[in-house]
Amino acid sequence: MATTADELARAYDRYVAAYWRGETDTAGRFAAWLKGCWELGGPPEPTGPPDAVSALGGAGASIRRYETDGLVLGYIPGVVHRCYRVRRDADPPALPAYRGAARRGER
């Protein structure tokens, strides 16, 4: 199964939310994996609209994601000559969706 720009954008936003909730093990695995995808000297950002946006990424500036042949590239506004470069066949660590707070009496 190919990794898409939309899947990465949603995964990144789930990672930030997990971090905020204090789920450090889950968030840490994803952060370590993603750090390996951050590259110096990436290609310039495409001129068209992104295929997906990580709204919570880039210190609030977002991460714009573009699908290319075999890659998903992610750009943070104002950061030049760097981008996230994720192979389409990559298998990022799982980030489960938030199940919500426990109801009263459930723990």
C-alpha atoms as a PDB file:
ATOM      1  CA  MET A   1       0.000   0.000   0.000  1.00  0.00           C
ATOM      2  CA  ALA A   2       1.366   3.414  -0.936  1.00  0.00           C
ATOM      3  CA  THR A   3       1.730   6.180   1.625  1.00  0.00           C
ATOM      4  CA  THR A   4      -0.173   9.256   0.465  1.00  0.00           C
ATOM      5  CA  ALA A   5       0.201  12.937   1.280  1.00  0.00           C
ATOM      6  CA  ASP A   6      -3.182  12.864   3.011  1.00  0.00           C
ATOM      7  CA  GLU A   7      -2.217   9.888   5.195  1.00  0.00           C
ATOM      8  CA  LEU A   8       1.007  11.624   6.248  1.00  0.00           C
ATOM      9  CA  ALA A   9      -0.795  14.877   7.008  1.00  0.00           C
ATOM     10  CA  ARG A  10      -3.331  13.094   9.216  1.00  0.00           C
ATOM     11  CA  ALA A  11      -0.588  11.032  10.896  1.00  0.00           C
ATOM     12  CA  TYR A  12       1.420  14.166  11.666  1.00  0.00           C
ATOM     13  CA  ASP A  13      -1.586  15.876  13.227  1.00  0.00           C
ATOM     14  CA  ARG A  14      -2.288  12.724  15.309  1.00  0.00           C
ATOM     15  CA  TYR A  15       1.380  12.769  16.399  1.00  0.00           C
ATOM     16  CA  VAL A  16       1.117  16.380  17.619  1.00  0.00           C
ATOM     17  CA  ALA A  17      -2.129  15.609  19.455  1.00  0.00           C
ATOM     18  CA  ALA A  18      -0.573  12.513  21.085  1.00  0.00           C
ATOM     19  CA  TYR A  19       2.383  14.625  22.211  1.00  0.00           C
ATOM     20  CA  TRP A  20       0.037  17.223  23.711  1.00  0.00           C
ATOM     21  CA  ARG A  21      -1.824  14.467  25.576  1.00  0.00           C
ATOM     22  CA  GLY A  22       1.451  13.221  27.060  1.00  0.00           C
ATOM     23  CA  GLU A  23       1.574   9.977  25.068  1.00  0.00           C
ATOM     24  CA  THR A  24       5.347  10.244  24.819  1.00  0.00           C
ATOM     25  CA  ASP A  25       6.070   6.658  23.753  1.00  0.00           C
ATOM     26  CA  THR A  26       3.697   6.805  20.801  1.00  0.00           C
ATOM     27  CA  ALA A  27       4.688  10.341  19.823  1.00  0.00           C
ATOM     28  CA  GLY A  28       8.402   9.616  20.266  1.00  0.00           C
ATOM     29  CA  ARG A  29       8.390   6.673  17.854  1.00  0.00           C
ATOM     30  CA  PHE A  30       6.747   8.741  15.144  1.00  0.00           C
ATOM     31  CA  ALA A  31       9.033  11.752  15.793  1.00  0.00           C
ATOM     32  CA  ALA A  32      12.161   9.583  15.526  1.00  0.00           C
ATOM     33  CA  TRP A  33      10.934   8.055  12.266  1.00  0.00           C
ATOM     34  CA  LEU A  34      10.016  11.446  10.813  1.00  0.00           C
ATOM     35  CA  LYS A  35      13.356  12.985  11.823  1.00  0.00           C
ATOM     36  CA  GLY A  36      15.010  10.502   9.462  1.00  0.00           C
ATOM     37  CA  CYS A  37      12.917  11.922   6.602  1.00  0.00           C
ATOM     38  CA  TRP A  38      13.996  15.585   7.145  1.00  0.00           C
ATOM     39  CA  GLU A  39      16.606  16.379   4.499  1.00  0.00           C
ATOM     40  CA  LEU A  40      18.883  19.228   3.599  1.00  0.00           C
ATOM     41  CA  GLY A  41      19.073  20.208  -0.054  1.00  0.00           C
ATOM     42  CA  GLY A  42      15.638  19.055  -1.128  1.00  0.00           C
ATOM     43  CA  PRO A  43      14.046  20.155  -4.377  1.00  0.00           C
ATOM     44  CA  PRO A  44      12.209  23.487  -4.447  1.00  0.00           C
ATOM     45  CA  GLU A  45       8.583  23.433  -3.379  1.00  0.00           C
ATOM     46  CA  PRO A  46       6.201  22.755  -6.276  1.00  0.00           C
ATOM     47  CA  THR A  47       4.234  25.781  -7.454  1.00  0.00           C
ATOM     48  CA  GLY A  48       0.781  24.185  -7.475  1.00  0.00           C
ATOM     49  CA  PRO A  49      -1.506  23.621  -4.513  1.00  0.00           C
ATOM     50  CA  PRO A  50      -0.408  20.899  -2.065  1.00  0.00           C
ATOM     51  CA  ASP A  51      -2.033  17.473  -2.109  1.00  0.00           C
ATOM     52  CA  ALA A  52      -2.487  17.702   1.680  1.00  0.00           C
ATOM     53  CA  VAL A  53      -1.645  19.974   4.599  1.00  0.00           C
ATOM     54  CA  SER A  54      -0.616  19.071   8.145  1.00  0.00           C
ATOM     55  CA  ALA A  55      -2.416  21.887   9.930  1.00  0.00           C
ATOM     56  CA  LEU A  56      -0.573  21.411  13.230  1.00  0.00           C
ATOM     57  CA  GLY A  57       2.909  21.100  11.737  1.00  0.00           C
ATOM     58  CA  GLY A  58       5.692  23.586  11.174  1.00  0.00           C
ATOM     59  CA  ALA A  59       5.312  25.317  14.551  1.00  0.00           C
ATOM     60  CA  GLY A  60       1.810  26.383  13.555  1.00  0.00           C
ATOM     61  CA  ALA A  61       2.737  27.400  10.002  1.00  0.00           C
ATOM     62  CA  SER A  62       1.609  24.015   8.607  1.00  0.00           C
ATOM     63  CA  ILE A  63       3.428  21.460   6.487  1.00  0.00           C
ATOM     64  CA  ARG A  64       2.415  21.369   2.834  1.00  0.00           C
ATOM     65  CA  ARG A  65       2.678  17.902   1.291  1.00  0.00           C
ATOM     66  CA  TYR A  66       3.041  17.013  -2.378  1.00  0.00           C
ATOM     67  CA  GLU A  67       2.933  13.598  -4.022  1.00  0.00           C
ATOM     68  CA  THR A  68       5.612  12.992  -6.625  1.00  0.00           C
ATOM     69  CA  ASP A  69       6.832   9.874  -8.398  1.00  0.00           C
ATOM     70  CA  GLY A  70       7.693   7.539  -5.541  1.00  0.00           C
ATOM     71  CA  LEU A  71       7.856  10.271  -2.867  1.00  0.00           C
ATOM     72  CA  VAL A  72       5.767  12.512  -0.663  1.00  0.00           C
ATOM     73  CA  LEU A  73       7.552  15.814  -0.091  1.00  0.00           C
ATOM     74  CA  GLY A  74       6.681  18.066   2.861  1.00  0.00           C
ATOM     75  CA  TYR A  75       7.547  21.775   3.084  1.00  0.00           C
ATOM     76  CA  ILE A  76       7.373  24.197   6.009  1.00  0.00           C
ATOM     77  CA  PRO A  77       6.748  27.828   4.989  1.00  0.00           C
ATOM     78  CA  GLY A  78       9.881  29.930   5.326  1.00  0.00           C
ATOM     79  CA  VAL A  79      12.286  26.977   5.568  1.00  0.00           C
ATOM     80  CA  VAL A  80      14.339  26.894   2.379  1.00  0.00           C
ATOM     81  CA  HIS A  81      16.511  24.089   1.035  1.00  0.00           C
ATOM     82  CA  ARG A  82      14.953  21.533   3.414  1.00  0.00           C
ATOM     83  CA  CYS A  83      11.951  19.261   3.182  1.00  0.00           C
ATOM     84  CA  TYR A  84      10.519  16.013   4.441  1.00  0.00           C
ATOM     85  CA  ARG A  85      11.162  13.326   1.861  1.00  0.00           C
ATOM     86  CA  VAL A  86       9.084  10.194   2.482  1.00  0.00           C
ATOM     87  CA  ARG A  87       9.109   7.235   0.139  1.00  0.00           C
ATOM     88  CA  ARG A  88       5.626   6.227  -1.005  1.00  0.00           C
ATOM     89  CA  ASP A  89       6.357   2.657   0.133  1.00  0.00           C
ATOM     90  CA  ALA A  90       7.349   3.820   3.646  1.00  0.00           C
ATOM     91  CA  ASP A  91       5.644   2.305   6.652  1.00  0.00           C
ATOM     92  CA  PRO A  92       5.390   5.024   9.323  1.00  0.00           C
ATOM     93  CA  PRO A  93       4.845   3.960  12.947  1.00  0.00           C
ATOM     94  CA  ALA A  94       1.195   3.574  13.850  1.00  0.00           C
ATOM     95  CA  LEU A  95      -0.545   6.447  15.598  1.00  0.00           C
ATOM     96  CA  PRO A  96      -3.916   5.318  16.886  1.00  0.00           C
ATOM     97  CA  ALA A  97      -6.784   7.770  16.698  1.00  0.00           C
ATOM     98  CA  TYR A  98      -7.777   9.395  19.968  1.00  0.00           C
ATOM     99  CA  ARG A  99     -10.600   7.445  21.578  1.00  0.00           C
ATOM    100  CA  GLY A 100     -11.734  10.320  23.781  1.00  0.00           C
ATOM    101  CA  ALA A 101     -11.912  10.693  27.506  1.00  0.00           C
ATOM    102  CA  ALA A 102     -13.333   7.873  29.589  1.00  0.00           C
ATOM    103  CA  ARG A 103     -16.935   8.286  30.641  1.00  0.00           C
ATOM    104  CA  ARG A 104     -17.725   8.555  34.301  1.00  0.00           C
ATOM    105  CA  GLY A 105     -17.349   5.145  35.890  1.00  0.00           C
ATOM    106  CA  GLU A 106     -15.108   3.791  33.059  1.00  0.00           C
ATOM    107  CA  ARG A 107     -11.403   3.565  33.819  1.00  0.00           C
END
